[in-house]
Amino acid sequence: MPESPSLPPSHPPEGELELVAELRRTLGRLDSALGQIREALVLVDAAGQVIWSNAAFDGLVGKRRLEILGASLHRVLPLNHVGEPILTIEQTRGANQNSGMLNAILSELPLQALEVEWHPVLTEEPNPLMFSFRDVSNRLALATQAMKCSVTGLLNRRGLLERIQTSLHHLRRQPGLVTLLFCDLNHFKQINDLYGHHVGDRLLIEIGQRLRANIRPEDVVGRIGGDEFVVLAIDVDSREEAIQWANRLHTKITAPWHDEGKTITPRLSIGIALTADPEISVDELLCNSDLAMYSAKASPTASVALFDPQLDKQVKRESLIRSRLQTVLAADQLCVNYQPIIDMVNGSMIGFEALARFPAEEGVSILPSEFIPVAENAGLIHRIFDIVLSHCLEELSGLSKGLQAMSISINMSPLQLSQEGLATKMIQIAEKLQVPLSYLVLEVTESPLIDRPQSAIRELGHLRDCGCRVYLDDFGTGYSSMSWLAQLPIDGIKIDRSFVTGLLTDPRSSLLVATMVRLARDLELDVIAEGVEEEAQVDALLAMGCTKGQGYLFGAPAPFPERFSFSNPRCAAVPASTTSSSAGSPPPA
């Protein structure tokens, strides 16, 4: 076979060689130019592996180019200030057409922050991703100053809300619990009034420092206004752990504080709210912790409370009652009912107890045990007392002279006795209606007499000088009734219904009632037993020496009777429509 002619070696045309050389020079210039850019740039493939980076990115991650190429971007990137990756694995992979942007805090002190932005390269399939990393530390430092409290240096409300939102977003990637402690500094206004605002500000700074010193590095504390602080904690394992932590924090924060020769012991109420739900709103979580704080503040013993959904129902109920109460008072529709007080020896009526009641309304039933606390908290209790007092004096002024020996008792809230000029106001109203104050009996509990003895005793002393009598209500339920009895400015006691209820069945209740009656008689004090519902209770009380009683056996609370009937020896002067011999439990008075 003839040999095939040999072909000359293949060489690219001279024009192609020049084109390739120019492309190489262009890529070199482009790589050199991108290397001069201050932004860190990196290109990853569909699997998230680095296929190109510039010098700024190499410097950001602290690795040489050969170590970076082919590596997973997720593993190469630095961690944020709490030790978490700044991007998820899904965010670092190509093969999608999603762009994105986020801010990452690498350290807080000093602040080092990055703005991360990424876009898909649409000219290839599957799409690579181009990332850029910009140093925004200075910009965020200025923004951070706008999110800090000018007094304490803690986060302000805006800054704290952003951190809570970030923590809730974190729950989407890693399930757990986000915990808020809502801390309220009790009686802060009094501290400002007593020592001045400069001392108040220093106390706020001290509280902030104590909070920061007693939380973990990853937790956050902020002052959201006034005397309110909030602690944000991540990864508290359980409700029990949150409560224990809050109690330890409370102990640390409420240690005595010394300032310019003054010693102030801070008092704190802490509400706890926890959530594992990343979709809950920041406002709802903050509101839940706030409700729990108010629950702690209202408790006579606890300083820490955990949010319970029932609190939300309670708050809505109290809001409804407050609104209804304001409407009733504005329209002068508050009712006053009267329950008879009987001399159990001869069955004659010797007086009434006046009781405030909501007007009857279909679908709405609001008991005094509900609206009286709401009225006290809303500052409406003074208005209620004025209405009840005016009603009572008007009824007394209309009685015939033969019946004016009867008295009407009025319950007085502890807040009333803290009101300066109470006695003067009552005396003026009585003089205007020409009713002697000797026809009035004020029923008070022991708390204002013991907590604020000087002001309470002064006001009651003025009224007693004018003939008004004072009875200690709910006797036996207070913590110090016996020891204080001889020292209080009172004329009599009312034995609480809880003791009378067990009088016939519980030997201890019977012994306690007998002791109360004997002690009162030895001190020459009058005695009235409340909650009398059975004839046998009357006989037992009389045998002990208690001659006066009040309860459903003698009559339920009702409007003031227009005329009196003396047909029943046990229920003299009580209208037939208001008497009841039922032994069932009456509604709270």
Protein backbone atom coordinates (compact mmCIF):
# COMPACT_ATOMS: atom_id res chain seq x y z
CA MET A 1 0.00 0.00 0.00
CA PRO A 2 1.28 3.41 -0.78
CA GLU A 3 2.09 5.48 2.29
CA SER A 4 -0.28 8.28 3.11
CA PRO A 5 1.30 11.62 2.63
CA SER A 6 2.28 13.14 6.01
CA LEU A 7 0.32 16.21 7.10
CA PRO A 8 2.04 19.28 8.39
CA PRO A 9 1.57 19.91 12.19
CA SER A 10 -1.66 21.76 13.12
CA HIS A 11 -1.17 25.31 14.43
CA PRO A 12 -3.90 27.79 15.32
CA PRO A 13 -4.15 30.60 12.93
CA GLU A 14 -2.10 33.58 13.98
CA GLY A 15 -5.31 35.62 14.57
CA GLU A 16 -6.63 33.09 17.10
CA LEU A 17 -3.40 33.15 19.08
CA GLU A 18 -3.57 36.87 19.39
CA LEU A 19 -7.23 36.62 20.56
CA VAL A 20 -6.37 34.08 23.26
CA ALA A 21 -3.46 36.19 24.44
CA GLU A 22 -5.69 39.24 24.62
CA LEU A 23 -8.32 37.32 26.59
CA ARG A 24 -5.64 36.22 29.05
CA ARG A 25 -4.41 39.77 29.43
CA THR A 26 -8.03 40.97 29.93
CA LEU A 27 -8.73 38.31 32.58
CA GLY A 28 -5.50 39.20 34.31
CA ARG A 29 -6.37 42.89 34.30
CA LEU A 30 -9.91 42.04 35.51
CA ASP A 31 -8.56 39.83 38.31
CA SER A 32 -6.06 42.54 39.27
CA ALA A 33 -8.81 45.19 39.25
CA LEU A 34 -11.18 43.03 41.33
CA GLY A 35 -8.32 42.42 43.71
CA GLN A 36 -8.08 46.17 44.34
CA ILE A 37 -11.78 46.43 45.31
CA ARG A 38 -12.31 46.85 49.05
CA GLU A 39 -15.42 44.65 48.98
CA ALA A 40 -14.72 40.97 49.52
CA LEU A 41 -16.01 39.02 46.51
CA VAL A 42 -16.42 35.27 46.07
CA LEU A 43 -18.06 33.09 43.40
CA VAL A 44 -19.48 29.66 44.28
CA ASP A 45 -20.90 26.86 42.18
CA ALA A 46 -24.20 25.05 42.54
CA ALA A 47 -22.77 22.96 45.42
CA GLY A 48 -21.57 26.01 47.33
CA GLN A 49 -17.86 25.42 46.56
CA VAL A 50 -15.63 28.42 45.91
CA ILE A 51 -14.58 28.74 42.27
CA TRP A 52 -13.10 32.25 42.49
CA SER A 53 -12.35 34.90 45.13
CA ASN A 54 -10.59 38.24 45.29
CA ALA A 55 -7.81 39.37 47.59
CA ALA A 56 -10.23 41.17 49.96
CA PHE A 57 -12.14 37.93 50.54
CA ASP A 58 -8.90 36.02 51.11
CA GLY A 59 -8.01 38.59 53.77
CA LEU A 60 -11.52 38.44 55.33
CA VAL A 61 -11.35 34.69 55.95
CA GLY A 62 -7.59 34.70 56.67
CA LYS A 63 -6.67 31.98 54.16
CA ARG A 64 -4.55 31.67 51.00
CA ARG A 65 -6.23 31.44 47.63
CA LEU A 66 -5.25 27.80 47.12
CA GLU A 67 -6.86 26.90 50.48
CA ILE A 68 -10.10 28.61 49.50
CA LEU A 69 -10.63 27.35 45.94
CA GLY A 70 -12.78 24.22 45.95
CA ALA A 71 -13.68 24.58 49.64
CA SER A 72 -17.25 24.95 50.94
CA LEU A 73 -18.08 28.62 51.42
CA HIS A 74 -20.18 27.76 54.50
CA ARG A 75 -17.09 26.28 56.19
CA VAL A 76 -14.72 29.05 55.12
CA LEU A 77 -16.77 32.00 56.42
CA PRO A 78 -16.13 33.42 59.92
CA LEU A 79 -18.71 32.93 62.69
CA ASN A 80 -20.83 35.73 64.13
CA HIS A 81 -20.56 37.18 67.66
CA VAL A 82 -22.54 34.30 69.21
CA GLY A 83 -20.59 31.59 67.40
CA GLU A 84 -23.05 30.87 64.59
CA PRO A 85 -22.40 30.80 60.82
CA ILE A 86 -23.31 34.08 59.19
CA LEU A 87 -24.90 32.20 56.25
CA THR A 88 -26.82 28.93 56.17
CA ILE A 89 -25.72 26.08 53.91
CA GLU A 90 -28.78 26.68 51.70
CA GLN A 91 -27.86 30.35 51.27
CA THR A 92 -24.34 29.49 50.06
CA ARG A 93 -25.42 27.12 47.31
CA GLY A 94 -26.04 28.16 43.70
CA ALA A 95 -28.56 26.46 41.42
CA ASN A 96 -31.24 29.04 42.28
CA GLN A 97 -32.19 32.49 41.14
CA ASN A 98 -32.71 34.07 44.58
CA SER A 99 -30.88 37.22 45.61
CA GLY A 100 -30.49 38.26 49.23
CA MET A 101 -28.92 40.59 51.75
CA LEU A 102 -28.27 40.54 55.50
CA ASN A 103 -26.16 42.13 58.20
CA ALA A 104 -23.84 40.02 60.34
CA ILE A 105 -22.23 41.08 63.63
CA LEU A 106 -18.82 39.41 63.95
CA SER A 107 -18.02 41.05 67.33
CA GLU A 108 -19.69 43.60 69.60
CA LEU A 109 -16.69 45.07 71.43
CA PRO A 110 -15.22 46.44 69.27
CA LEU A 111 -18.09 46.42 66.79
CA GLN A 112 -17.25 44.53 63.60
CA ALA A 113 -20.14 44.14 61.17
CA LEU A 114 -20.55 42.95 57.60
CA GLU A 115 -23.25 43.57 55.04
CA VAL A 116 -23.60 40.42 52.91
CA GLU A 117 -25.26 40.52 49.48
CA TRP A 118 -25.59 37.78 46.87
CA HIS A 119 -26.96 37.40 43.33
CA PRO A 120 -27.20 34.45 40.90
CA VAL A 121 -25.14 34.41 37.67
CA LEU A 122 -27.94 33.89 35.15
CA THR A 123 -25.69 33.16 32.15
CA GLU A 124 -24.94 29.64 33.38
CA GLU A 125 -27.00 26.61 34.33
CA PRO A 126 -27.06 25.66 37.14
CA ASN A 127 -26.53 29.19 38.42
CA PRO A 128 -23.37 30.08 40.34
CA LEU A 129 -23.73 32.71 43.08
CA MET A 130 -21.66 35.87 43.45
CA PHE A 131 -21.27 37.12 47.05
CA SER A 132 -20.04 40.50 48.23
CA PHE A 133 -19.05 41.33 51.83
CA ARG A 134 -18.87 45.00 52.90
CA ASP A 135 -17.54 46.31 56.20
CA VAL A 136 -20.36 48.42 57.70
CA SER A 137 -18.97 48.66 61.22
CA ASN A 138 -18.84 52.47 61.23
CA ARG A 139 -22.33 52.79 59.80
CA LEU A 140 -23.81 50.34 62.31
CA ALA A 141 -21.90 52.00 65.13
CA LEU A 142 -23.75 55.23 64.42
CA ALA A 143 -27.03 53.36 64.15
CA THR A 144 -26.27 51.54 67.38
CA GLN A 145 -25.87 54.84 69.20
CA ALA A 146 -29.39 55.73 68.07
CA MET A 147 -30.59 52.47 69.62
CA LYS A 148 -29.03 53.02 73.04
CA CYS A 149 -30.45 54.55 76.20
CA SER A 150 -28.72 57.87 76.86
CA VAL A 151 -28.83 57.34 80.65
CA THR A 152 -27.78 53.71 81.11
CA GLY A 153 -25.99 52.94 77.84
CA LEU A 154 -28.20 49.86 77.44
CA LEU A 155 -30.24 49.16 74.35
CA ASN A 156 -33.31 51.35 74.12
CA ARG A 157 -36.73 50.14 73.06
CA ARG A 158 -35.93 50.25 69.35
CA GLY A 159 -32.68 48.36 69.73
CA LEU A 160 -34.22 45.75 72.00
CA LEU A 161 -37.14 45.10 69.66
CA GLU A 162 -34.71 44.46 66.79
CA ARG A 163 -32.75 41.98 68.89
CA ILE A 164 -35.94 40.17 69.91
CA GLN A 165 -36.97 39.95 66.26
CA THR A 166 -33.56 38.49 65.33
CA SER A 167 -33.89 35.91 68.11
CA LEU A 168 -37.32 34.84 66.88
CA HIS A 169 -35.95 34.43 63.34
CA HIS A 170 -33.21 32.25 64.85
CA LEU A 171 -35.92 29.81 66.02
CA ARG A 172 -36.72 29.02 62.38
CA ARG A 173 -33.24 27.55 61.91
CA GLN A 174 -32.73 26.09 65.37
CA PRO A 175 -35.71 25.20 67.60
CA GLY A 176 -35.50 26.33 71.22
CA LEU A 177 -36.95 28.91 73.59
CA VAL A 178 -36.76 32.68 73.51
CA THR A 179 -37.25 34.11 77.00
CA LEU A 180 -38.08 37.67 78.07
CA LEU A 181 -37.81 38.96 81.61
CA PHE A 182 -39.76 42.19 82.04
CA CYS A 183 -38.30 43.96 85.09
CA ASP A 184 -40.06 46.91 86.72
CA LEU A 185 -38.42 48.99 89.43
CA ASN A 186 -41.09 49.50 92.09
CA HIS A 187 -41.71 52.89 93.73
CA PHE A 188 -39.24 54.66 91.44
CA LYS A 189 -41.35 57.84 91.41
CA GLN A 190 -41.11 58.08 95.19
CA ILE A 191 -37.31 57.77 94.96
CA ASN A 192 -37.22 60.63 92.43
CA ASP A 193 -39.53 62.75 94.57
CA LEU A 194 -37.65 62.05 97.78
CA TYR A 195 -34.02 62.22 96.63
CA GLY A 196 -34.16 64.02 93.26
CA HIS A 197 -33.91 62.93 89.64
CA HIS A 198 -30.10 62.88 89.69
CA VAL A 199 -30.23 60.12 92.30
CA GLY A 200 -32.95 58.37 90.31
CA ASP A 201 -30.75 58.40 87.19
CA ARG A 202 -27.80 56.97 89.11
CA LEU A 203 -30.05 54.23 90.46
CA LEU A 204 -31.15 53.37 86.90
CA ILE A 205 -27.49 53.14 85.88
CA GLU A 206 -26.79 50.90 88.87
CA ILE A 207 -29.70 48.60 88.03
CA GLY A 208 -28.50 48.36 84.42
CA GLN A 209 -24.98 47.47 85.57
CA ARG A 210 -26.29 44.85 87.98
CA LEU A 211 -28.42 43.29 85.25
CA ARG A 212 -25.49 43.17 82.82
CA ALA A 213 -23.21 41.68 85.48
CA ASN A 214 -25.62 38.84 86.21
CA ILE A 215 -26.58 37.62 82.75
CA ARG A 216 -24.68 35.44 80.29
CA PRO A 217 -22.53 37.00 77.54
CA GLU A 218 -25.02 35.93 74.86
CA ASP A 219 -28.01 37.49 76.66
CA VAL A 220 -29.18 41.05 76.05
CA VAL A 221 -30.53 43.68 78.43
CA GLY A 222 -32.26 46.92 77.53
CA ARG A 223 -34.15 49.78 79.15
CA ILE A 224 -37.38 50.37 77.29
CA GLY A 225 -38.50 53.43 79.21
CA GLY A 226 -38.92 54.92 82.67
CA ASP A 227 -38.14 52.28 85.28
CA GLU A 228 -38.64 49.29 82.98
CA PHE A 229 -35.86 46.93 81.88
CA VAL A 230 -36.08 43.83 79.68
CA VAL A 231 -33.66 40.90 79.56
CA LEU A 232 -33.61 38.73 76.41
CA ALA A 233 -32.25 35.21 76.79
CA ILE A 234 -31.72 32.48 74.22
CA ASP A 235 -31.73 28.75 74.92
CA VAL A 236 -33.18 28.73 78.43
CA ASP A 237 -34.15 25.08 78.63
CA SER A 238 -37.47 25.21 80.51
CA ARG A 239 -39.99 27.28 82.41
CA GLU A 240 -38.57 26.01 85.67
CA GLU A 241 -35.07 27.14 84.71
CA ALA A 242 -36.43 30.57 83.67
CA ILE A 243 -38.16 31.00 87.04
CA GLN A 244 -35.05 29.95 88.98
CA TRP A 245 -32.91 32.31 86.91
CA ALA A 246 -35.34 35.20 87.44
CA ASN A 247 -35.37 34.60 91.20
CA ARG A 248 -31.56 34.59 91.33
CA LEU A 249 -31.48 37.77 89.28
CA HIS A 250 -34.03 39.38 91.60
CA THR A 251 -31.86 38.60 94.61
CA LYS A 252 -28.81 40.18 93.00
CA ILE A 253 -30.63 43.30 91.79
CA THR A 254 -32.40 44.08 95.06
CA ALA A 255 -29.29 44.23 97.23
CA PRO A 256 -29.02 47.58 99.10
CA TRP A 257 -27.43 50.43 97.13
CA HIS A 258 -25.40 53.18 98.82
CA ASP A 259 -25.18 56.63 97.24
CA GLU A 260 -23.92 59.84 98.85
CA GLY A 261 -24.65 58.63 102.36
CA LYS A 262 -28.09 57.32 101.42
CA THR A 263 -29.05 53.65 101.40
CA ILE A 264 -31.76 52.59 98.95
CA THR A 265 -32.98 49.01 98.63
CA PRO A 266 -34.42 48.57 95.12
CA ARG A 267 -37.61 46.57 94.76
CA LEU A 268 -38.20 44.73 91.51
CA SER A 269 -41.15 42.90 89.94
CA ILE A 270 -40.24 40.45 87.15
CA GLY A 271 -42.58 38.98 84.54
CA ILE A 272 -41.46 36.02 82.42
CA ALA A 273 -42.66 35.11 78.93
CA LEU A 274 -41.26 32.21 76.91
CA THR A 275 -41.94 31.08 73.35
CA ALA A 276 -40.81 28.40 70.94
CA ASP A 277 -42.92 29.91 68.15
CA PRO A 278 -40.87 31.88 65.60
CA GLU A 279 -44.06 33.39 64.16
CA ILE A 280 -45.16 35.15 67.33
CA SER A 281 -44.92 38.92 67.02
CA VAL A 282 -42.41 40.88 69.08
CA ASP A 283 -45.22 43.04 70.45
CA GLU A 284 -47.20 40.02 71.62
CA LEU A 285 -44.21 38.45 73.37
CA LEU A 286 -43.33 41.76 75.04
CA CYS A 287 -46.97 42.26 76.07
CA ASN A 288 -47.07 38.78 77.62
CA SER A 289 -44.01 39.51 79.73
CA ASP A 290 -45.52 42.86 80.72
CA LEU A 291 -48.74 41.17 81.86
CA ALA A 292 -46.74 38.68 83.90
CA MET A 293 -44.83 41.56 85.51
CA TYR A 294 -48.09 43.21 86.60
CA SER A 295 -49.19 39.86 88.02
CA ALA A 296 -45.99 39.77 90.09
CA LYS A 297 -46.51 43.38 91.16
CA ALA A 298 -50.07 42.61 92.32
CA SER A 299 -48.97 39.58 94.35
CA PRO A 300 -48.52 40.23 98.08
CA THR A 301 -45.76 37.61 98.31
CA ALA A 302 -44.17 36.84 94.92
CA SER A 303 -41.80 39.11 93.01
CA VAL A 304 -41.57 36.85 89.93
CA ALA A 305 -44.47 35.61 87.80
CA LEU A 306 -44.70 33.48 84.65
CA PHE A 307 -47.10 34.47 81.88
CA ASP A 308 -50.27 32.43 81.80
CA PRO A 309 -52.87 32.77 78.99
CA GLN A 310 -55.44 33.27 81.73
CA LEU A 311 -53.75 36.62 82.48
CA ASP A 312 -54.81 37.89 79.06
CA LYS A 313 -58.44 37.00 79.79
CA GLN A 314 -58.16 38.66 83.20
CA VAL A 315 -56.76 41.86 81.71
CA LYS A 316 -59.53 42.00 79.11
CA ARG A 317 -62.12 41.42 81.84
CA GLU A 318 -60.61 44.19 83.97
CA SER A 319 -60.59 46.50 80.95
CA LEU A 320 -64.29 45.79 80.38
CA ILE A 321 -65.07 46.44 84.05
CA ARG A 322 -63.09 49.68 84.07
CA SER A 323 -64.91 50.91 80.98
CA ARG A 324 -68.31 49.97 82.41
CA LEU A 325 -67.45 51.53 85.75
CA GLN A 326 -66.44 54.82 84.14
CA THR A 327 -69.72 54.86 82.19
CA VAL A 328 -71.80 54.08 85.28
CA LEU A 329 -70.10 56.75 87.37
CA ALA A 330 -70.34 59.37 84.61
CA ALA A 331 -74.09 58.69 84.30
CA ASP A 332 -74.57 58.58 88.12
CA GLN A 333 -76.04 55.08 87.84
CA LEU A 334 -74.19 53.37 90.68
CA CYS A 335 -76.64 51.64 93.02
CA VAL A 336 -76.41 51.50 96.80
CA ASN A 337 -78.03 48.56 98.59
CA TYR A 338 -78.46 48.15 102.32
CA GLN A 339 -78.19 44.98 104.44
CA PRO A 340 -79.80 45.09 107.90
CA ILE A 341 -77.87 44.72 111.14
CA ILE A 342 -79.92 43.14 113.92
CA ASP A 343 -79.93 43.10 117.72
CA MET A 344 -80.23 39.33 118.06
CA VAL A 345 -81.46 39.57 121.67
CA ASN A 346 -84.80 41.20 120.85
CA GLY A 347 -84.86 41.04 117.04
CA SER A 348 -84.86 44.80 116.54
CA MET A 349 -83.01 46.38 113.65
CA ILE A 350 -80.23 48.72 114.72
CA GLY A 351 -78.77 49.74 111.38
CA PHE A 352 -77.66 48.87 107.86
CA GLU A 353 -74.46 48.29 105.98
CA ALA A 354 -74.36 50.25 102.72
CA LEU A 355 -73.01 48.28 99.75
CA ALA A 356 -72.16 49.63 96.29
CA ARG A 357 -73.68 47.65 93.41
CA PHE A 358 -73.57 47.82 89.62
CA PRO A 359 -76.94 48.61 88.02
CA ALA A 360 -78.70 45.53 86.67
CA GLU A 361 -77.95 45.03 82.99
CA GLU A 362 -78.81 42.08 80.80
CA GLY A 363 -75.80 39.94 79.94
CA VAL A 364 -73.43 41.78 82.31
CA SER A 365 -72.90 40.63 85.89
CA ILE A 366 -70.16 42.44 87.78
CA LEU A 367 -69.73 41.68 91.48
CA PRO A 368 -68.18 44.04 94.03
CA SER A 369 -65.29 41.60 94.45
CA GLU A 370 -64.46 42.38 90.80
CA PHE A 371 -65.13 46.09 90.42
CA ILE A 372 -63.80 47.34 93.76
CA PRO A 373 -60.15 46.26 93.05
CA VAL A 374 -60.45 47.70 89.53
CA ALA A 375 -61.78 50.96 90.97
CA GLU A 376 -58.84 51.13 93.38
CA ASN A 377 -56.29 50.54 90.62
CA ALA A 378 -57.99 53.04 88.29
CA GLY A 379 -58.27 55.76 90.95
CA LEU A 380 -62.09 55.62 90.90
CA ILE A 381 -62.60 54.38 94.46
CA HIS A 382 -62.81 57.94 95.83
CA ARG A 383 -65.73 58.70 93.51
CA ILE A 384 -67.51 55.51 94.61
CA PHE A 385 -67.06 56.38 98.27
CA ASP A 386 -68.42 59.89 97.72
CA ILE A 387 -71.53 58.47 96.02
CA VAL A 388 -72.16 55.90 98.76
CA LEU A 389 -71.59 58.52 101.49
CA SER A 390 -74.04 60.97 99.88
CA HIS A 391 -76.69 58.25 99.45
CA CYS A 392 -76.36 57.20 103.09
CA LEU A 393 -76.57 60.73 104.47
CA GLU A 394 -79.58 61.51 102.27
CA GLU A 395 -81.38 58.38 103.50
CA LEU A 396 -80.58 59.27 107.11
CA SER A 397 -81.81 62.82 106.64
CA GLY A 398 -85.15 61.47 105.42
CA LEU A 399 -85.77 59.19 108.39
CA SER A 400 -88.30 60.13 111.04
CA LYS A 401 -86.92 61.15 114.41
CA GLY A 402 -88.02 57.86 115.96
CA LEU A 403 -85.82 55.86 113.56
CA GLN A 404 -82.78 58.10 113.46
CA ALA A 405 -81.17 56.12 116.26
CA MET A 406 -80.22 53.61 113.57
CA SER A 407 -76.82 53.84 111.95
CA ILE A 408 -75.55 53.13 108.47
CA SER A 409 -72.14 51.54 108.00
CA ILE A 410 -69.92 52.41 105.04
CA ASN A 411 -66.94 50.37 103.85
CA MET A 412 -63.82 52.45 103.45
CA SER A 413 -61.05 51.43 101.08
CA PRO A 414 -57.49 51.56 102.43
CA LEU A 415 -56.82 54.16 99.75
CA GLN A 416 -59.44 56.43 101.30
CA LEU A 417 -57.50 56.75 104.53
CA SER A 418 -54.43 57.93 102.60
CA GLN A 419 -56.45 60.86 101.25
CA GLU A 420 -55.59 64.11 102.99
CA GLY A 421 -58.63 66.04 104.13
CA LEU A 422 -60.97 63.03 104.16
CA ALA A 423 -62.42 63.93 107.54
CA THR A 424 -62.96 67.58 106.57
CA LYS A 425 -64.81 66.59 103.40
CA MET A 426 -67.10 64.14 105.24
CA ILE A 427 -67.87 66.70 107.93
CA GLN A 428 -68.78 69.32 105.32
CA ILE A 429 -71.13 66.94 103.45
CA ALA A 430 -72.84 65.91 106.72
CA GLU A 431 -73.30 69.54 107.77
CA LYS A 432 -74.77 70.43 104.38
CA LEU A 433 -77.40 67.67 104.73
CA GLN A 434 -77.82 68.40 108.45
CA VAL A 435 -77.12 64.81 109.48
CA PRO A 436 -75.07 64.18 112.65
CA LEU A 437 -72.02 62.01 111.96
CA SER A 438 -73.01 59.94 115.00
CA TYR A 439 -75.38 58.07 112.66
CA LEU A 440 -72.44 56.88 110.52
CA VAL A 441 -70.14 53.91 111.08
CA LEU A 442 -66.97 53.55 109.03
CA GLU A 443 -65.80 49.98 108.41
CA VAL A 444 -62.04 49.78 107.83
CA THR A 445 -59.55 46.96 107.54
CA GLU A 446 -56.43 46.90 109.66
CA SER A 447 -53.91 47.37 106.80
CA PRO A 448 -54.11 51.18 106.51
CA LEU A 449 -54.09 51.54 110.29
CA ILE A 450 -50.88 49.52 110.53
CA ASP A 451 -49.16 50.53 107.26
CA ARG A 452 -49.91 54.28 107.57
CA PRO A 453 -50.81 54.71 111.24
CA GLN A 454 -50.18 58.44 111.58
CA SER A 455 -52.31 59.67 108.67
CA ALA A 456 -55.04 57.05 109.22
CA ILE A 457 -55.32 57.66 112.96
CA ARG A 458 -55.35 61.44 112.41
CA GLU A 459 -58.24 61.33 109.91
CA LEU A 460 -60.24 58.81 111.93
CA GLY A 461 -59.61 60.78 115.10
CA HIS A 462 -61.24 63.90 113.58
CA LEU A 463 -64.29 61.85 112.56
CA ARG A 464 -64.61 60.15 115.95
CA ASP A 465 -64.47 63.56 117.62
CA CYS A 466 -67.61 64.38 115.62
CA GLY A 467 -69.41 61.23 116.79
CA CYS A 468 -68.64 58.92 113.85
CA ARG A 469 -67.85 55.37 114.95
CA VAL A 470 -65.15 53.13 113.46
CA TYR A 471 -65.39 49.34 113.21
CA LEU A 472 -62.58 46.97 112.26
CA ASP A 473 -63.94 44.89 109.37
CA ASP A 474 -63.05 41.28 108.51
CA PHE A 475 -61.69 40.82 112.01
CA GLY A 476 -59.59 37.67 112.47
CA THR A 477 -58.33 37.50 108.87
CA GLY A 478 -55.44 39.96 109.28
CA TYR A 479 -51.95 38.99 110.32
CA SER A 480 -51.85 41.09 113.48
CA SER A 481 -55.41 41.79 114.60
CA MET A 482 -54.98 40.54 118.15
CA SER A 483 -51.73 42.37 118.95
CA TRP A 484 -52.93 45.68 117.53
CA LEU A 485 -56.50 45.61 118.76
CA ALA A 486 -55.90 47.63 121.93
CA GLN A 487 -53.92 50.31 120.05
CA LEU A 488 -56.24 51.02 117.13
CA PRO A 489 -58.72 53.96 117.13
CA ILE A 490 -61.83 51.76 116.83
CA ASP A 491 -65.19 51.36 118.54
CA GLY A 492 -66.01 47.80 117.53
CA ILE A 493 -65.16 44.76 115.45
CA LYS A 494 -66.99 42.73 112.81
CA ILE A 495 -66.22 39.01 112.96
CA ASP A 496 -65.55 37.75 109.43
CA ARG A 497 -68.15 35.46 107.84
CA SER A 498 -65.54 32.71 107.34
CA PHE A 499 -65.51 32.10 111.12
CA VAL A 500 -69.29 32.28 111.49
CA THR A 501 -69.76 29.77 108.65
CA GLY A 502 -67.81 27.10 110.56
CA LEU A 503 -69.23 28.02 113.93
CA LEU A 504 -71.45 24.92 114.23
CA THR A 505 -69.20 22.37 112.53
CA ASP A 506 -65.62 23.33 113.29
CA PRO A 507 -64.58 23.40 116.97
CA ARG A 508 -61.60 25.62 116.11
CA SER A 509 -63.85 28.24 114.48
CA SER A 510 -66.13 28.12 117.50
CA LEU A 511 -63.18 28.61 119.87
CA LEU A 512 -61.81 31.49 117.80
CA VAL A 513 -65.17 33.28 117.71
CA ALA A 514 -65.61 32.87 121.47
CA THR A 515 -62.11 34.26 122.02
CA MET A 516 -62.76 37.24 119.73
CA VAL A 517 -66.01 38.06 121.51
CA ARG A 518 -64.44 37.77 124.96
CA LEU A 519 -61.45 39.90 123.95
CA ALA A 520 -63.66 42.60 122.44
CA ARG A 521 -65.87 42.73 125.51
CA ASP A 522 -62.82 42.98 127.79
CA LEU A 523 -61.67 45.96 125.69
CA GLU A 524 -65.21 47.43 125.81
CA LEU A 525 -65.61 47.15 122.04
CA ASP A 526 -68.83 46.46 120.19
CA VAL A 527 -69.09 43.13 118.28
CA ILE A 528 -71.09 42.27 115.13
CA ALA A 529 -71.03 38.80 113.54
CA GLU A 530 -71.21 38.75 109.74
CA GLY A 531 -72.61 36.00 107.52
CA VAL A 532 -75.34 34.76 109.90
CA GLU A 533 -77.56 32.38 107.92
CA GLU A 534 -79.01 29.91 110.45
CA GLU A 535 -81.02 30.16 113.65
CA ALA A 536 -78.57 27.81 115.36
CA GLN A 537 -75.76 30.26 114.64
CA VAL A 538 -77.76 32.99 116.38
CA ASP A 539 -78.17 30.81 119.48
CA ALA A 540 -74.45 29.93 119.53
CA LEU A 541 -73.40 33.57 119.15
CA LEU A 542 -75.76 34.72 121.91
CA ALA A 543 -74.35 32.04 124.21
CA MET A 544 -70.88 33.48 123.58
CA GLY A 545 -72.02 37.01 124.36
CA CYS A 546 -72.26 38.34 120.79
CA THR A 547 -75.60 40.13 120.55
CA LYS A 548 -75.46 41.75 117.11
CA GLY A 549 -75.51 40.05 113.73
CA GLN A 550 -75.76 40.58 110.01
CA GLY A 551 -76.47 38.06 107.26
CA TYR A 552 -78.95 36.51 104.90
CA LEU A 553 -81.01 35.15 107.79
CA PHE A 554 -82.01 38.74 108.50
CA GLY A 555 -82.08 40.09 104.97
CA ALA A 556 -80.18 40.35 101.72
CA PRO A 557 -78.74 43.66 100.47
CA ALA A 558 -81.56 45.64 98.88
CA PRO A 559 -82.61 49.24 98.16
CA PHE A 560 -83.34 51.32 101.21
CA PRO A 561 -86.85 50.42 102.43
CA GLU A 562 -89.52 53.08 102.10
CA ARG A 563 -91.39 51.74 105.12
CA PHE A 564 -90.60 49.28 107.90
CA SER A 565 -92.36 46.16 109.13
CA PHE A 566 -91.80 44.73 112.62
CA SER A 567 -93.78 41.52 112.09
CA ASN A 568 -90.78 39.16 112.34
CA PRO A 569 -88.98 39.19 115.69
CA ARG A 570 -85.75 38.06 114.00
CA CYS A 571 -86.12 40.42 111.01
CA ALA A 572 -87.66 43.54 112.48
CA ALA A 573 -87.92 46.56 110.19
CA VAL A 574 -86.88 44.54 107.13
CA PRO A 575 -89.15 44.72 104.04
CA ALA A 576 -90.68 41.35 103.27
CA SER A 577 -89.30 41.38 99.74
CA THR A 578 -85.72 41.57 100.98
CA THR A 579 -85.73 38.90 103.71
CA SER A 580 -84.30 35.46 103.11
CA SER A 581 -83.88 32.42 105.30
CA SER A 582 -81.77 30.65 102.69
CA ALA A 583 -78.62 29.09 104.02
CA GLY A 584 -76.94 29.29 100.63
CA SER A 585 -73.82 31.36 100.17
CA PRO A 586 -74.62 35.00 99.39
CA PRO A 587 -72.72 36.91 96.72
CA PRO A 588 -69.65 38.77 97.97
CA ALA A 589 -70.50 42.00 99.77
